[in-house]
Amino acid sequence: MSINKFVMDFLSKNVSKEVLVSNNVDWNDPKSKISKYFTIEEAIYLREWKRLANESDGLDSHVKNQLVKIFTEVMDPIRELLNKSVFVKSAYRPKAYNVAIGGAEFSAHMCTKEYAAVDFWTDQNGDGNKNGDDCDTIKAILMPKLKEMKIRMEDNGQGARWAHVDNKPVPSGGNEFFKP
């Protein structure tokens, strides 16, 4: 059994989540794996501040658990579904960082005990460029899988340069494909 499968099985039983996550992931090493395909840098790097998020930013055990969960349960399967390398634009954002970059007031990127979010892109058409065609293709592939994967995806328009997914619960009468 892989370490990530073991971690997620263990976490699902609600047993000492904080200790397990902290002991199996080196949150200070940007190259440390958080999941099969993704690293700590991709999960917690704050580009505008040019550093990794840390405890003073609110990177506590609950946030860490949600990041492990979204990368192992959502992003790894997306990577396998797309069959392409996935490039993370943004995952965890502390509240102050989210405000500084103009993020949504209740952004799932700020992570809670219940959810997290990831913005990403991939070179779907193989031209080596990050462009809207790639993200339109990603959205078309993921759209029929949203309910099954228990994720939401932002409707950020045709030609957007990234796709946003989160595992925030869909409100009653809401939609998995939502406008920000």
Protein backbone atom coordinates (compact mmCIF):
# COMPACT_ATOMS: atom_id res chain seq x y z
CA MET A 1 0.00 0.00 0.00
CA SER A 2 1.40 3.40 -0.94
CA ILE A 3 2.08 5.94 1.80
CA ASN A 4 -0.58 8.30 0.40
CA LYS A 5 -3.22 5.53 0.32
CA PHE A 6 -2.27 4.63 3.88
CA VAL A 7 -2.49 8.29 4.95
CA MET A 8 -5.91 8.79 3.37
CA ASP A 9 -7.28 5.51 4.82
CA PHE A 10 -6.02 6.56 8.21
CA LEU A 11 -7.39 10.10 7.91
CA SER A 12 -10.81 8.83 6.88
CA LYS A 13 -11.06 7.09 10.26
CA ASN A 14 -10.55 10.43 12.07
CA VAL A 15 -7.64 9.19 14.14
CA SER A 16 -4.93 11.67 15.15
CA LYS A 17 -4.91 13.48 11.81
CA GLU A 18 -2.51 16.19 12.93
CA VAL A 19 0.25 13.80 13.99
CA LEU A 20 0.01 11.61 10.89
CA VAL A 21 0.06 14.44 8.34
CA SER A 22 2.87 16.25 10.12
CA ASN A 23 5.00 13.12 10.33
CA ASN A 24 4.61 11.97 6.73
CA VAL A 25 5.04 15.22 4.81
CA ASP A 26 7.94 17.63 5.20
CA TRP A 27 6.04 20.91 4.95
CA ASN A 28 9.29 22.91 4.91
CA ASP A 29 10.78 21.12 1.89
CA PRO A 30 9.29 22.51 -1.35
CA LYS A 31 10.26 19.32 -3.24
CA SER A 32 8.66 16.95 -0.71
CA LYS A 33 5.70 15.04 -2.16
CA ILE A 34 2.21 15.80 -0.88
CA SER A 35 0.72 13.19 -3.25
CA LYS A 36 1.73 10.87 -6.08
CA TYR A 37 2.30 13.72 -8.57
CA PHE A 38 2.43 16.95 -6.58
CA THR A 39 4.86 18.69 -4.22
CA ILE A 40 4.68 20.95 -1.19
CA GLU A 41 5.78 23.85 -3.39
CA GLU A 42 2.73 23.37 -5.60
CA ALA A 43 0.44 23.21 -2.57
CA ILE A 44 1.66 26.12 -0.44
CA TYR A 45 3.95 28.40 -2.47
CA LEU A 46 2.79 32.03 -2.33
CA ARG A 47 4.08 33.44 -5.63
CA GLU A 48 3.51 37.12 -4.88
CA TRP A 49 5.27 36.78 -1.52
CA LYS A 50 7.96 34.49 -3.00
CA ARG A 51 7.86 31.97 -0.15
CA LEU A 52 6.10 28.92 1.23
CA ALA A 53 3.14 29.43 3.54
CA ASN A 54 3.87 28.54 7.17
CA GLU A 55 2.19 28.27 10.56
CA SER A 56 2.08 32.07 10.97
CA ASP A 57 -0.05 32.14 7.79
CA GLY A 58 -2.56 29.72 9.30
CA LEU A 59 -1.00 26.56 7.86
CA ASP A 60 -2.31 24.37 10.66
CA SER A 61 -3.13 20.65 10.78
CA HIS A 62 -6.65 21.21 9.38
CA VAL A 63 -5.31 23.06 6.33
CA LYS A 64 -2.60 20.43 5.85
CA ASN A 65 -5.20 17.64 5.99
CA GLN A 66 -7.35 19.35 3.37
CA LEU A 67 -4.35 19.91 1.11
CA VAL A 68 -3.35 16.24 1.36
CA LYS A 69 -6.96 15.32 0.64
CA ILE A 70 -7.47 17.56 -2.41
CA PHE A 71 -4.14 16.59 -3.97
CA THR A 72 -4.53 12.83 -3.39
CA GLU A 73 -8.29 12.52 -3.97
CA VAL A 74 -8.83 15.20 -6.64
CA MET A 75 -5.66 16.37 -8.34
CA ASP A 76 -3.94 12.97 -8.70
CA PRO A 77 -7.05 11.48 -10.39
CA ILE A 78 -7.36 14.61 -12.59
CA ARG A 79 -3.71 14.23 -13.62
CA GLU A 80 -4.37 10.59 -14.55
CA LEU A 81 -7.61 11.42 -16.37
CA LEU A 82 -5.94 14.16 -18.44
CA ASN A 83 -2.86 11.98 -19.01
CA LYS A 84 -0.68 15.11 -19.03
CA SER A 85 1.53 16.90 -16.55
CA VAL A 86 -0.49 19.36 -14.50
CA PHE A 87 0.92 22.75 -13.50
CA VAL A 88 -0.47 24.30 -10.32
CA LYS A 89 -1.07 28.05 -10.42
CA SER A 90 -2.46 28.38 -6.89
CA ALA A 91 -3.63 26.14 -4.07
CA TYR A 92 -3.49 27.29 -0.42
CA ARG A 93 -3.85 31.02 0.17
CA PRO A 94 -3.81 32.52 3.66
CA LYS A 95 -6.52 35.15 4.14
CA ALA A 96 -4.08 38.11 3.99
CA TYR A 97 -2.54 36.75 0.79
CA ASN A 98 -5.96 36.11 -0.75
CA VAL A 99 -6.97 39.72 -0.02
CA ALA A 100 -3.66 41.05 -1.37
CA ILE A 101 -4.10 39.31 -4.73
CA GLY A 102 -7.80 40.19 -5.05
CA GLY A 103 -9.17 36.68 -4.38
CA ALA A 104 -12.84 36.04 -3.66
CA GLU A 105 -13.92 36.89 -0.10
CA PHE A 106 -14.98 33.31 0.66
CA SER A 107 -12.44 31.59 -1.59
CA ALA A 108 -12.02 27.84 -1.12
CA HIS A 109 -8.28 28.49 -1.56
CA MET A 110 -8.19 29.68 2.05
CA CYS A 111 -8.90 26.06 3.12
CA THR A 112 -11.02 25.00 6.06
CA LYS A 113 -11.56 21.70 7.88
CA GLU A 114 -14.00 20.82 5.07
CA TYR A 115 -12.51 21.98 1.75
CA ALA A 116 -9.63 23.32 -0.35
CA ALA A 117 -9.10 24.50 -3.94
CA VAL A 118 -6.53 24.32 -6.74
CA ASP A 119 -6.09 26.45 -9.87
CA PHE A 120 -4.14 24.64 -12.57
CA TRP A 121 -3.45 24.24 -16.26
CA THR A 122 -1.93 21.65 -18.54
CA ASP A 123 -0.55 21.67 -22.06
CA GLN A 124 -3.44 19.61 -23.48
CA ASN A 125 -2.82 20.44 -27.13
CA GLY A 126 0.96 19.90 -26.96
CA ASP A 127 2.00 23.31 -28.30
CA GLY A 128 4.11 24.15 -25.24
CA ASN A 129 2.04 27.24 -24.43
CA LYS A 130 -0.30 28.02 -21.56
CA ASN A 131 -3.41 29.12 -23.38
CA GLY A 132 -7.18 29.12 -23.14
CA ASP A 133 -7.62 26.24 -25.57
CA ASP A 134 -5.92 23.97 -23.05
CA CYS A 135 -8.22 25.00 -20.20
CA ASP A 136 -11.34 24.75 -22.37
CA THR A 137 -10.29 21.16 -23.11
CA ILE A 138 -9.68 20.47 -19.40
CA LYS A 139 -13.16 21.79 -18.55
CA ALA A 140 -14.78 19.69 -21.29
CA ILE A 141 -13.08 16.55 -19.97
CA LEU A 142 -13.92 17.25 -16.31
CA MET A 143 -17.48 18.56 -16.74
CA PRO A 144 -19.16 15.13 -16.93
CA LYS A 145 -17.11 13.90 -13.93
CA LEU A 146 -17.85 16.68 -11.41
CA LYS A 147 -20.61 14.87 -9.46
CA GLU A 148 -18.76 11.56 -9.51
CA MET A 149 -15.56 13.19 -8.25
CA LYS A 150 -17.51 15.29 -5.70
CA ILE A 151 -15.86 18.50 -6.90
CA ARG A 152 -16.89 21.90 -8.17
CA MET A 153 -15.32 23.72 -11.09
CA GLU A 154 -15.35 27.45 -11.68
CA ASP A 155 -16.98 28.78 -14.84
CA ASN A 156 -14.27 31.34 -15.50
CA GLY A 157 -15.19 31.69 -19.15
CA GLN A 158 -14.04 30.35 -22.47
CA GLY A 159 -10.35 30.87 -23.12
CA ALA A 160 -9.42 31.23 -19.43
CA ARG A 161 -5.78 30.47 -18.68
CA TRP A 162 -6.44 28.13 -15.75
CA ALA A 163 -9.05 25.73 -14.42
CA HIS A 164 -10.28 25.96 -10.82
CA VAL A 165 -11.50 22.93 -8.89
CA ASP A 166 -12.47 22.63 -5.24
CA ASN A 167 -14.13 20.13 -2.95
CA LYS A 168 -16.42 22.69 -1.30
CA PRO A 169 -19.91 21.23 -0.81
CA VAL A 170 -22.45 22.20 -3.48
CA PRO A 171 -25.22 24.23 -1.80
CA SER A 172 -28.80 23.02 -2.06
CA GLY A 173 -30.03 23.98 -5.50
CA GLY A 174 -26.47 24.89 -6.46
CA ASN A 175 -24.35 23.75 -9.34
CA GLU A 176 -20.98 21.98 -9.60
CA PHE A 177 -20.05 24.37 -12.44
CA PHE A 178 -20.28 27.78 -10.79
CA LYS A 179 -19.66 31.45 -11.50
CA PRO A 180 -17.23 33.09 -9.04
